Amino acid sequence: MNRQCNICGKENSTFRWESVCCSCRQKKWDDDIKDEIISGERDGTDCEDKIYCPHCGEVYDICPADDSDLFYECDTERECIYCGKEFSINVSVSYSYSASRKDKDA
């Protein structure tokens, strides 16, 4: 069902109970984490799908060519490109598998 996002005003496909589009919901999540880090309410993140600097709260963008080790399970350190402070990153990798029967006559 197409509904108008309460934040950006664009028409988007959403579930009946949602009032905010996916892009705005993600931006709000990023902003909330940043606010909590800056206020001191939190000093890091756990199990996120992005890397947030635990000092300034900015999303630490990774480039596969420069940070290829961040795609494998590891513990590493980086310097934030926004605030210049060092922080630790723990990378956890998860795999999921699907299987289906092949047609016996194939």
N, C-alpha and C. Protein backbone atom coordinates (compact mmCIF):
# COMPACT_ATOMS: atom_id res chain seq x y z
N MET A 1 0.84 -1.17 0.00
CA MET A 1 0.00 0.00 0.00
C MET A 1 0.89 1.24 0.00
N ASN A 2 0.60 2.19 -0.83
CA ASN A 2 1.35 3.43 -0.86
C ASN A 2 0.76 4.42 0.15
N ARG A 3 1.66 4.97 0.95
CA ARG A 3 1.26 5.97 1.95
C ARG A 3 2.27 7.10 1.92
N GLN A 4 1.87 8.22 2.42
CA GLN A 4 2.76 9.37 2.49
C GLN A 4 3.57 9.30 3.78
N CYS A 5 4.89 9.46 3.66
CA CYS A 5 5.79 9.43 4.81
C CYS A 5 5.54 10.68 5.66
N ASN A 6 5.43 10.51 6.97
CA ASN A 6 5.20 11.64 7.88
C ASN A 6 6.41 12.57 7.99
N ILE A 7 7.59 12.11 7.56
CA ILE A 7 8.78 12.94 7.67
C ILE A 7 9.11 13.64 6.35
N CYS A 8 9.29 12.86 5.27
CA CYS A 8 9.70 13.47 3.99
C CYS A 8 8.53 13.82 3.09
N GLY A 9 7.37 13.24 3.35
CA GLY A 9 6.18 13.56 2.56
C GLY A 9 6.06 12.79 1.25
N LYS A 10 7.04 11.95 0.94
CA LYS A 10 6.99 11.19 -0.31
C LYS A 10 6.06 10.00 -0.17
N GLU A 11 5.48 9.61 -1.31
CA GLU A 11 4.64 8.42 -1.36
C GLU A 11 5.56 7.20 -1.42
N ASN A 12 5.35 6.26 -0.53
CA ASN A 12 6.16 5.05 -0.47
C ASN A 12 5.29 3.86 -0.15
N SER A 13 5.80 2.70 -0.52
CA SER A 13 5.12 1.46 -0.13
C SER A 13 5.46 1.19 1.33
N THR A 14 4.46 1.11 2.16
CA THR A 14 4.68 0.83 3.58
C THR A 14 3.62 -0.13 4.07
N PHE A 15 3.88 -0.71 5.21
CA PHE A 15 2.87 -1.54 5.85
C PHE A 15 1.81 -0.62 6.46
N ARG A 16 0.66 -1.16 6.71
CA ARG A 16 -0.47 -0.39 7.23
C ARG A 16 -0.13 0.35 8.52
N TRP A 17 0.69 -0.27 9.37
CA TRP A 17 1.01 0.32 10.68
C TRP A 17 2.20 1.29 10.64
N GLU A 18 2.84 1.43 9.48
CA GLU A 18 3.99 2.32 9.38
C GLU A 18 3.58 3.70 8.88
N SER A 19 4.20 4.72 9.45
CA SER A 19 3.91 6.08 9.02
C SER A 19 5.15 6.78 8.47
N VAL A 20 6.29 6.07 8.47
CA VAL A 20 7.55 6.65 8.02
C VAL A 20 8.19 5.69 7.01
N CYS A 21 8.76 6.24 5.93
CA CYS A 21 9.39 5.39 4.92
C CYS A 21 10.71 4.81 5.43
N CYS A 22 11.21 3.83 4.74
CA CYS A 22 12.42 3.12 5.14
C CYS A 22 13.62 4.06 5.23
N SER A 23 13.78 4.95 4.27
CA SER A 23 14.91 5.89 4.27
C SER A 23 14.87 6.81 5.48
N CYS A 24 13.72 7.35 5.77
CA CYS A 24 13.58 8.25 6.93
C CYS A 24 13.74 7.50 8.24
N ARG A 25 13.24 6.26 8.29
CA ARG A 25 13.38 5.45 9.49
C ARG A 25 14.86 5.17 9.76
N GLN A 26 15.65 4.86 8.71
CA GLN A 26 17.08 4.61 8.88
C GLN A 26 17.80 5.89 9.30
N LYS A 27 17.46 7.02 8.70
CA LYS A 27 18.09 8.28 9.07
C LYS A 27 17.78 8.62 10.52
N LYS A 28 16.55 8.40 10.95
CA LYS A 28 16.19 8.66 12.34
C LYS A 28 16.98 7.75 13.27
N TRP A 29 17.15 6.48 12.90
CA TRP A 29 17.94 5.54 13.71
C TRP A 29 19.37 6.04 13.84
N ASP A 30 19.97 6.44 12.69
CA ASP A 30 21.33 6.97 12.71
C ASP A 30 21.42 8.21 13.60
N ASP A 31 20.46 9.11 13.46
CA ASP A 31 20.45 10.35 14.26
C ASP A 31 20.29 10.04 15.75
N ASP A 32 19.43 9.09 16.09
CA ASP A 32 19.21 8.72 17.49
C ASP A 32 20.49 8.15 18.10
N ILE A 33 21.18 7.28 17.36
CA ILE A 33 22.44 6.72 17.87
C ILE A 33 23.46 7.83 18.07
N LYS A 34 23.58 8.72 17.09
CA LYS A 34 24.53 9.83 17.20
C LYS A 34 24.21 10.69 18.43
N ASP A 35 22.94 11.03 18.62
CA ASP A 35 22.53 11.85 19.77
C ASP A 35 22.87 11.16 21.10
N GLU A 36 22.63 9.85 21.17
CA GLU A 36 22.92 9.10 22.40
C GLU A 36 24.42 9.03 22.67
N ILE A 37 25.23 8.93 21.64
CA ILE A 37 26.68 8.91 21.82
C ILE A 37 27.17 10.28 22.26
N ILE A 38 26.72 11.32 21.61
CA ILE A 38 27.15 12.68 21.95
C ILE A 38 26.73 13.05 23.37
N SER A 39 25.54 12.63 23.78
CA SER A 39 25.05 12.96 25.12
C SER A 39 25.71 12.13 26.21
N GLY A 40 26.42 11.05 25.81
CA GLY A 40 27.05 10.17 26.80
C GLY A 40 26.14 9.06 27.26
N GLU A 41 24.94 9.00 26.72
CA GLU A 41 23.99 7.95 27.09
C GLU A 41 24.51 6.57 26.69
N ARG A 42 25.29 6.53 25.61
CA ARG A 42 25.93 5.28 25.19
C ARG A 42 27.35 5.59 24.76
N ASP A 43 28.22 4.59 24.90
CA ASP A 43 29.62 4.79 24.54
C ASP A 43 30.07 3.85 23.43
N GLY A 44 29.11 3.31 22.70
CA GLY A 44 29.41 2.43 21.58
C GLY A 44 28.14 1.79 21.08
N THR A 45 28.29 0.89 20.16
CA THR A 45 27.15 0.18 19.60
C THR A 45 27.43 -1.31 19.62
N ASP A 46 26.39 -2.10 19.43
CA ASP A 46 26.53 -3.55 19.44
C ASP A 46 25.61 -4.13 18.38
N CYS A 47 26.15 -4.96 17.53
CA CYS A 47 25.38 -5.70 16.52
C CYS A 47 24.63 -4.80 15.54
N GLU A 48 25.23 -3.73 15.11
CA GLU A 48 24.61 -2.85 14.12
C GLU A 48 25.07 -3.26 12.73
N ASP A 49 24.34 -2.84 11.71
CA ASP A 49 24.76 -3.16 10.35
C ASP A 49 25.62 -2.05 9.75
N LYS A 50 25.92 -1.05 10.54
CA LYS A 50 26.84 0.03 10.16
C LYS A 50 27.84 0.22 11.29
N ILE A 51 28.94 0.87 10.97
CA ILE A 51 29.92 1.22 12.00
C ILE A 51 29.69 2.67 12.40
N TYR A 52 29.40 2.89 13.67
CA TYR A 52 29.21 4.24 14.20
C TYR A 52 30.42 4.57 15.07
N CYS A 53 31.02 5.74 14.85
CA CYS A 53 32.14 6.14 15.71
C CYS A 53 31.62 6.30 17.13
N PRO A 54 32.25 5.65 18.11
CA PRO A 54 31.76 5.75 19.49
C PRO A 54 32.13 7.07 20.17
N HIS A 55 32.82 7.96 19.45
CA HIS A 55 33.17 9.27 19.99
C HIS A 55 32.25 10.38 19.47
N CYS A 56 32.02 10.38 18.15
CA CYS A 56 31.21 11.46 17.56
C CYS A 56 29.88 10.98 17.01
N GLY A 57 29.69 9.66 16.87
CA GLY A 57 28.42 9.11 16.41
C GLY A 57 28.23 9.09 14.91
N GLU A 58 29.21 9.58 14.16
CA GLU A 58 29.08 9.56 12.70
C GLU A 58 29.19 8.13 12.18
N VAL A 59 28.52 7.87 11.07
CA VAL A 59 28.62 6.56 10.42
C VAL A 59 29.97 6.50 9.72
N TYR A 60 30.73 5.49 10.07
CA TYR A 60 32.06 5.30 9.49
C TYR A 60 31.89 4.49 8.21
N ASP A 61 31.96 5.19 7.08
CA ASP A 61 31.81 4.52 5.78
C ASP A 61 33.06 3.73 5.46
N ILE A 62 32.86 2.52 4.97
CA ILE A 62 34.02 1.70 4.62
C ILE A 62 34.07 1.52 3.12
N CYS A 63 35.26 1.45 2.62
CA CYS A 63 35.50 1.23 1.20
C CYS A 63 36.15 -0.15 1.07
N PRO A 64 35.55 -1.07 0.34
CA PRO A 64 36.10 -2.42 0.25
C PRO A 64 37.58 -2.45 -0.17
N ALA A 65 37.99 -1.54 -1.03
CA ALA A 65 39.39 -1.55 -1.48
C ALA A 65 40.34 -1.17 -0.35
N ASP A 66 39.88 -0.28 0.54
CA ASP A 66 40.74 0.19 1.62
C ASP A 66 40.61 -0.65 2.89
N ASP A 67 39.43 -1.17 3.15
CA ASP A 67 39.16 -1.86 4.41
C ASP A 67 38.65 -3.28 4.18
N SER A 68 39.33 -4.02 3.32
CA SER A 68 38.84 -5.36 2.99
C SER A 68 38.79 -6.27 4.21
N ASP A 69 39.63 -6.00 5.24
CA ASP A 69 39.60 -6.85 6.43
C ASP A 69 38.31 -6.69 7.22
N LEU A 70 37.56 -5.63 6.98
CA LEU A 70 36.30 -5.43 7.69
C LEU A 70 35.18 -6.32 7.16
N PHE A 71 35.47 -7.15 6.18
CA PHE A 71 34.47 -8.07 5.64
C PHE A 71 34.67 -9.48 6.17
N TYR A 72 35.61 -9.65 7.09
CA TYR A 72 35.88 -10.94 7.71
C TYR A 72 35.85 -10.77 9.22
N GLU A 73 35.58 -11.83 9.96
CA GLU A 73 35.56 -11.72 11.41
C GLU A 73 36.92 -11.28 11.90
N CYS A 74 36.92 -10.21 12.68
CA CYS A 74 38.19 -9.69 13.20
C CYS A 74 37.93 -8.66 14.28
N ASP A 75 38.98 -8.31 14.97
CA ASP A 75 39.01 -7.17 15.87
C ASP A 75 40.09 -6.26 15.30
N THR A 76 39.75 -5.01 15.09
CA THR A 76 40.70 -4.08 14.49
C THR A 76 40.48 -2.69 15.07
N GLU A 77 41.36 -1.78 14.78
CA GLU A 77 41.23 -0.40 15.23
C GLU A 77 41.27 0.53 14.03
N ARG A 78 40.56 1.62 14.14
CA ARG A 78 40.53 2.62 13.08
C ARG A 78 40.56 4.01 13.72
N GLU A 79 40.89 4.98 12.90
CA GLU A 79 40.80 6.38 13.30
C GLU A 79 39.59 6.96 12.57
N CYS A 80 38.73 7.63 13.31
CA CYS A 80 37.52 8.19 12.71
C CYS A 80 37.91 9.28 11.71
N ILE A 81 37.32 9.21 10.53
CA ILE A 81 37.62 10.20 9.50
C ILE A 81 36.93 11.53 9.80
N TYR A 82 36.04 11.56 10.79
CA TYR A 82 35.32 12.78 11.13
C TYR A 82 35.92 13.50 12.33
N CYS A 83 36.20 12.76 13.40
CA CYS A 83 36.70 13.40 14.62
C CYS A 83 38.17 13.11 14.90
N GLY A 84 38.76 12.15 14.18
CA GLY A 84 40.17 11.84 14.34
C GLY A 84 40.52 10.97 15.54
N LYS A 85 39.52 10.54 16.31
CA LYS A 85 39.79 9.70 17.48
C LYS A 85 39.80 8.22 17.08
N GLU A 86 40.60 7.44 17.81
CA GLU A 86 40.69 6.01 17.52
C GLU A 86 39.59 5.24 18.24
N PHE A 87 39.19 4.15 17.62
CA PHE A 87 38.21 3.27 18.24
C PHE A 87 38.41 1.85 17.73
N SER A 88 37.88 0.90 18.46
CA SER A 88 37.98 -0.51 18.12
C SER A 88 36.73 -0.95 17.38
N ILE A 89 36.93 -1.87 16.45
CA ILE A 89 35.82 -2.45 15.71
C ILE A 89 35.91 -3.96 15.85
N ASN A 90 34.80 -4.58 16.20
CA ASN A 90 34.70 -6.03 16.22
C ASN A 90 33.75 -6.41 15.10
N VAL A 91 34.25 -7.18 14.14
CA VAL A 91 33.45 -7.59 13.00
C VAL A 91 32.97 -9.02 13.22
N SER A 92 31.67 -9.23 13.15
CA SER A 92 31.08 -10.56 13.23
C SER A 92 30.39 -10.83 11.90
N VAL A 93 30.60 -12.01 11.38
CA VAL A 93 30.03 -12.38 10.09
C VAL A 93 29.03 -13.50 10.31
N SER A 94 27.92 -13.42 9.62
CA SER A 94 26.88 -14.42 9.73
C SER A 94 26.52 -14.92 8.34
N TYR A 95 26.31 -16.21 8.21
CA TYR A 95 25.89 -16.79 6.95
C TYR A 95 24.51 -17.41 7.15
N SER A 96 23.73 -17.39 6.11
CA SER A 96 22.48 -18.13 6.14
C SER A 96 22.40 -18.93 4.85
N TYR A 97 21.74 -20.05 4.91
CA TYR A 97 21.66 -20.95 3.77
C TYR A 97 20.23 -21.32 3.49
N SER A 98 19.96 -21.57 2.24
CA SER A 98 18.66 -22.07 1.82
C SER A 98 18.89 -23.32 1.00
N ALA A 99 17.97 -24.25 1.08
CA ALA A 99 18.06 -25.47 0.30
C ALA A 99 16.68 -25.82 -0.21
N SER A 100 16.65 -26.40 -1.39
CA SER A 100 15.37 -26.84 -1.94
C SER A 100 15.58 -28.14 -2.70
N ARG A 101 14.52 -28.88 -2.84
CA ARG A 101 14.60 -30.15 -3.55
C ARG A 101 14.67 -29.89 -5.05
N LYS A 102 15.47 -30.65 -5.70
CA LYS A 102 15.50 -30.60 -7.16
C LYS A 102 14.45 -31.58 -7.68
N ASP A 103 13.89 -31.27 -8.80
CA ASP A 103 12.92 -32.15 -9.41
C ASP A 103 13.59 -33.49 -9.72
N LYS A 104 12.98 -34.59 -9.33
CA LYS A 104 13.60 -35.92 -9.51
C LYS A 104 13.81 -36.26 -10.98
N ASP A 105 12.97 -35.72 -11.87
CA ASP A 105 13.08 -36.04 -13.29
C ASP A 105 14.15 -35.21 -13.99
N ALA A 106 14.72 -34.24 -13.34
CA ALA A 106 15.70 -33.35 -13.99
C ALA A 106 17.06 -33.98 -14.10
